[in-house]
Protein backbone atom coordinates (compact mmCIF):
# COMPACT_ATOMS: atom_id res chain seq x y z
CA MET A 1 154.85 -167.93 44.88
CA LYS A 2 156.04 -171.24 46.26
CA LYS A 3 156.43 -169.72 49.75
CA ILE A 4 152.92 -168.32 49.56
CA LEU A 5 151.52 -171.74 48.61
CA ASN A 6 153.48 -173.41 51.40
CA ARG A 7 152.16 -170.90 53.93
CA PHE A 8 148.64 -171.37 52.58
CA TRP A 9 148.87 -175.14 52.96
CA GLU A 10 150.35 -174.76 56.43
CA PHE A 11 147.48 -172.44 57.40
CA LEU A 12 144.94 -174.78 55.84
CA MET A 13 146.34 -177.83 57.65
CA LEU A 14 146.42 -175.89 60.94
CA PHE A 15 142.83 -174.73 60.39
CA ILE A 16 141.70 -178.29 59.59
CA ALA A 17 143.51 -179.66 62.66
CA ILE A 18 141.96 -177.04 64.94
CA SER A 19 138.49 -177.56 63.40
CA LEU A 20 138.73 -181.33 63.72
CA GLY A 21 139.84 -180.96 67.32
CA PHE A 22 136.89 -178.66 67.98
CA PHE A 23 134.41 -181.06 66.39
CA VAL A 24 135.92 -184.08 68.16
CA GLU A 25 135.73 -182.30 71.51
CA ASN A 26 132.14 -181.26 70.87
CA TYR A 27 131.28 -184.82 69.86
CA ARG A 28 132.97 -186.19 72.98
CA GLU A 29 131.12 -183.70 75.21
CA GLY A 30 127.88 -184.62 73.44
CA LEU A 31 128.48 -188.30 74.21
CA VAL A 32 129.23 -187.48 77.85
CA ASP A 33 126.05 -185.36 78.12
CA ARG A 34 123.93 -188.09 76.55
CA GLN A 35 125.40 -190.62 78.98
CA LYS A 36 124.63 -188.30 81.91
CA GLU A 37 121.11 -187.83 80.59
CA LYS A 38 120.61 -191.61 80.53
CA GLU A 39 121.98 -191.88 84.07
CA ILE A 40 119.52 -189.19 85.25
CA ILE A 41 116.60 -190.98 83.59
CA ALA A 42 117.71 -194.34 85.04
CA SER A 43 117.90 -192.78 88.51
CA PHE A 44 114.43 -191.29 88.18
CA ILE A 45 113.04 -194.65 87.00
CA ASN A 46 114.52 -196.17 90.16
CA ASP A 47 112.87 -193.47 92.28
CA LEU A 48 109.49 -194.10 90.66
CA GLU A 49 109.68 -197.87 91.07
CA THR A 50 110.66 -197.43 94.72
CA ASP A 51 107.74 -195.03 95.29
CA ILE A 52 105.27 -197.44 93.67
CA LYS A 53 106.39 -200.33 95.88
CA GLU A 54 106.37 -198.17 99.02
CA LEU A 55 102.89 -196.91 98.19
CA ASP A 56 101.64 -200.50 97.88
CA ILE A 57 102.60 -201.02 101.53
CA VAL A 58 101.29 -197.64 102.75
CA ILE A 59 97.94 -198.02 100.94
CA LYS A 60 97.34 -201.46 102.47
CA ARG A 61 98.13 -200.15 105.95
CA ARG A 62 95.89 -197.14 105.41
CA GLU A 63 93.01 -199.42 104.40
CA ILE A 64 93.53 -201.43 107.59
CA ARG A 65 93.60 -198.18 109.57
CA GLU A 66 90.26 -197.20 108.03
CA VAL A 67 88.69 -200.46 109.19
CA ARG A 68 90.08 -200.03 112.71
CA ILE A 69 88.77 -196.47 113.02
CA ASP A 70 85.33 -197.48 111.75
CA SER A 71 85.30 -200.37 114.23
CA ILE A 72 86.06 -198.07 117.19
CA ILE A 73 83.31 -195.67 116.12
CA TYR A 74 80.81 -198.51 115.70
CA ILE A 75 81.62 -200.10 119.08
CA LEU A 76 81.37 -196.83 121.03
CA ASN A 77 78.32 -195.49 119.20
CA ASN A 78 76.45 -198.71 119.92
CA GLY A 79 77.50 -199.03 123.57
CA LEU A 80 79.43 -202.25 122.96
CA GLN A 81 82.63 -201.22 124.76
CA ASP A 82 82.23 -203.81 127.53
CA MET A 83 81.74 -206.59 125.01
CA TYR A 84 84.63 -205.62 122.71
CA GLY A 85 87.18 -204.14 125.15
CA LYS A 86 90.00 -206.25 123.72
CA ASP A 87 89.33 -204.95 120.21
CA LEU A 88 89.00 -201.35 121.41
CA TYR A 89 92.40 -201.43 123.07
CA TYR A 90 94.05 -203.06 120.09
CA TYR A 91 92.58 -200.63 117.54
CA ALA A 92 93.14 -197.58 119.74
CA ARG A 93 96.81 -198.43 120.29
CA TYR A 94 97.45 -198.11 116.57
CA LEU A 95 95.70 -194.73 116.25
CA PRO A 96 98.88 -192.69 116.85
CA ARG A 97 100.75 -194.74 114.21
CA PRO A 98 99.52 -193.82 110.72
CA ALA A 99 101.47 -195.28 107.82
CA VAL A 100 103.60 -192.47 106.40
CA PHE A 101 104.79 -192.18 102.81
CA TRP A 102 108.31 -190.80 102.41
CA ALA A 103 108.69 -189.81 98.77
CA ASN A 104 111.90 -190.93 97.11
CA ASN A 105 112.59 -187.68 95.25
CA THR A 106 116.41 -187.76 95.40
CA THR A 107 116.86 -187.34 91.64
CA ASN A 108 114.47 -184.41 91.42
CA GLU A 109 116.17 -182.61 94.30
CA GLU A 110 119.63 -183.15 92.81
CA LEU A 111 118.48 -181.83 89.43
CA LYS A 112 116.83 -178.81 91.01
CA TYR A 113 119.94 -177.69 92.87
CA SER A 114 122.61 -178.78 90.37
CA GLY A 115 120.98 -177.23 87.30
CA ASN A 116 121.38 -180.48 85.36
CA PHE A 117 117.87 -180.25 83.93
CA ILE A 118 119.57 -178.83 80.81
CA LEU A 119 121.04 -182.27 80.16
CA ILE A 120 117.55 -183.65 79.50
CA LYS A 121 116.71 -182.88 75.89
CA ASN A 122 113.09 -184.01 76.05
CA GLN A 123 111.03 -181.07 77.35
CA LYS A 124 108.02 -183.32 78.06
CA ILE A 125 110.18 -185.35 80.43
CA ILE A 126 111.33 -182.18 82.23
CA ASP A 127 107.72 -181.02 82.63
CA THR A 128 106.75 -184.47 83.91
CA LEU A 129 109.56 -184.52 86.49
CA LEU A 130 108.65 -181.06 87.78
CA GLN A 131 104.95 -181.91 87.98
CA TYR A 132 105.68 -185.11 89.89
CA ASN A 133 107.90 -183.21 92.31
CA ASP A 134 105.12 -180.67 92.99
CA ASN A 135 102.89 -183.47 94.32
CA PHE A 136 105.25 -183.94 97.28
CA ILE A 137 104.50 -180.45 98.57
CA PHE A 138 100.82 -181.28 99.10
CA ILE A 139 101.64 -184.71 100.54
CA ASP A 140 103.90 -183.07 103.14
CA PHE A 141 101.17 -180.53 103.99
CA ILE A 142 98.59 -183.26 104.66
CA LYS A 143 101.17 -185.19 106.69
CA GLU A 144 101.66 -182.19 108.99
CA ARG A 145 97.89 -181.78 109.33
CA GLU A 146 97.51 -185.41 110.35
CA GLU A 147 100.28 -185.15 112.94
CA TYR A 148 98.46 -182.24 114.54
CA LEU A 149 95.15 -184.16 114.71
CA VAL A 150 96.83 -187.25 116.18
CA ARG A 151 98.40 -185.13 118.93
CA ARG A 152 94.93 -183.86 119.83
CA LEU A 153 93.63 -187.41 119.96
CA PHE A 154 96.35 -188.42 122.44
CA ASP A 155 94.67 -186.49 125.27
CA GLN A 156 91.44 -188.48 124.94
CA ILE A 157 93.27 -191.80 124.55
CA ASN A 158 95.12 -191.10 127.83
CA VAL A 159 91.79 -190.48 129.60
CA MET A 160 89.80 -193.38 128.17
CA PHE A 161 92.34 -196.20 128.14
CA ASP A 162 94.48 -197.86 130.81
CA PRO A 163 98.21 -197.35 130.02
CA MET A 164 99.09 -200.54 131.89
CA ILE A 165 97.01 -202.52 129.39
CA PHE A 166 98.80 -200.80 126.54
CA ASP A 167 102.13 -201.70 128.14
CA GLN A 168 101.20 -205.40 128.07
CA MET A 169 100.50 -205.17 124.35
CA ASN A 170 104.04 -204.19 123.27
CA VAL A 171 105.86 -206.75 121.14
CA TYR A 172 108.60 -205.03 119.14
CA ASP A 173 109.14 -201.70 117.46
CA ILE A 174 105.69 -200.39 116.47
CA GLU A 175 103.76 -203.65 116.50
CA PHE A 176 101.29 -204.72 119.19
CA VAL A 177 99.25 -207.76 120.23
CA TYR A 178 95.71 -208.03 121.56
CA PRO A 179 95.52 -207.69 125.35
CA SER A 180 94.58 -210.70 127.41
CA GLY A 181 91.04 -211.02 128.75
CA ASN A 182 88.52 -208.31 127.94
CA PRO A 183 89.83 -205.09 129.55
CA LYS A 184 87.47 -202.21 130.24
CA ILE A 185 87.99 -198.61 129.18
CA ASN A 186 88.55 -196.07 131.97
CA SER A 187 85.67 -193.75 131.20
CA LYS A 188 82.12 -194.10 129.95
CA ASN A 189 81.40 -190.43 130.43
CA LYS A 190 79.43 -189.24 127.40
CA ASP A 191 81.22 -185.91 127.18
CA VAL A 192 84.65 -187.55 127.25
CA MET A 193 83.52 -190.13 124.70
CA ASN A 194 82.04 -187.47 122.41
CA ILE A 195 85.26 -185.46 122.41
CA PHE A 196 87.19 -188.62 121.61
CA LEU A 197 84.80 -189.53 118.76
CA SER A 198 84.89 -185.99 117.43
CA ASN A 199 88.68 -185.98 117.24
CA LEU A 200 88.62 -189.49 115.83
CA HIS A 201 86.28 -188.28 113.08
CA TYR A 202 88.86 -185.71 111.95
CA VAL A 203 91.60 -188.34 112.01
CA LYS A 204 89.37 -190.62 109.94
CA THR A 205 88.73 -187.83 107.43
CA VAL A 206 92.44 -187.21 106.96
CA ASN A 207 93.08 -190.94 106.61
CA VAL A 208 90.44 -191.19 103.88
CA GLY A 209 92.00 -188.18 102.17
CA GLN A 210 95.50 -189.64 102.46
CA LEU A 211 94.32 -192.97 101.10
CA GLY A 212 92.80 -191.33 98.04
CA LEU A 213 95.86 -189.13 97.57
CA PHE A 214 98.25 -192.07 97.75
CA LYS A 215 96.23 -194.08 95.26
CA ARG A 216 96.17 -191.18 92.80
CA HIS A 217 99.87 -190.55 93.33
CA GLN A 218 100.70 -194.19 92.70
CA LYS A 219 98.58 -194.20 89.53
CA LYS A 220 100.41 -191.08 88.35
CA ALA A 221 103.78 -192.66 89.14
CA LYS A 222 102.88 -195.72 87.06
CA GLU A 223 101.77 -193.52 84.15
CA ILE A 224 104.96 -191.47 84.28
CA LEU A 225 107.08 -194.62 84.54
CA SER A 226 105.42 -196.05 81.44
CA PHE A 227 105.86 -192.76 79.55
CA ILE A 228 109.56 -192.46 80.43
CA LYS A 229 110.28 -196.04 79.42
CA GLN A 230 108.63 -195.37 76.06
CA GLU A 231 110.72 -192.21 75.55
CA TYR A 232 113.94 -193.87 76.72
CA PRO A 233 113.57 -197.57 75.80
CA ASN A 234 117.31 -198.28 75.92
CA VAL A 235 118.11 -196.89 79.35
CA ALA A 236 119.65 -199.53 81.61
CA VAL A 237 118.45 -199.33 85.21
CA ASN A 238 120.66 -200.45 88.08
CA LYS A 239 118.52 -201.48 91.02
CA LYS A 240 119.29 -199.64 94.25
CA LYS A 241 120.18 -201.86 97.15
């Protein structure tokens, strides 16, 4: 009987030790997963804050682009090209340089390919991340459309404007200065001008669409950022350098 009791206690102690080890390991893995979840959320918060700041810059440049395009259309439609040649050259030189938004979706891409979405326990957050990521697809589509329209516009710019004047306007990188004097455009042919204005109209339309899209995207980013911070109030965010 004593041997049976001893064996029972030995089995019981072994069972308890194994069970405790199992629970401790599960608890440790749970802590690790929760820490990884916080790191994912912190990374996504960083992405959102970066996007919001970048969109501030892009939206302002797009609004300036809108004014420049409208100015070109007004000058040419009203036959004022000889009076405002300097402005025409300056505005036209920036036409091939639309402000582009490069979405900072690093976290979303890593989650998509690593399968680490399972670490996020809040399903609403997962749905929000996926929805935000879907917006980039449409943004990229519009970007490609705009690039195509700008390439078409190049042909008319090369006909209407003197490249030597453009060369004098270079300062650094993608910035330009007003040309000296009041340079004239190369062609006043109505057909050439109409083709240019027609292509410019399509570029203007895309710019207006992009501007509206970026504003809505930024608003959405701010809403998501606020929602995530409410759901994860204790997540520490390390600013990316």
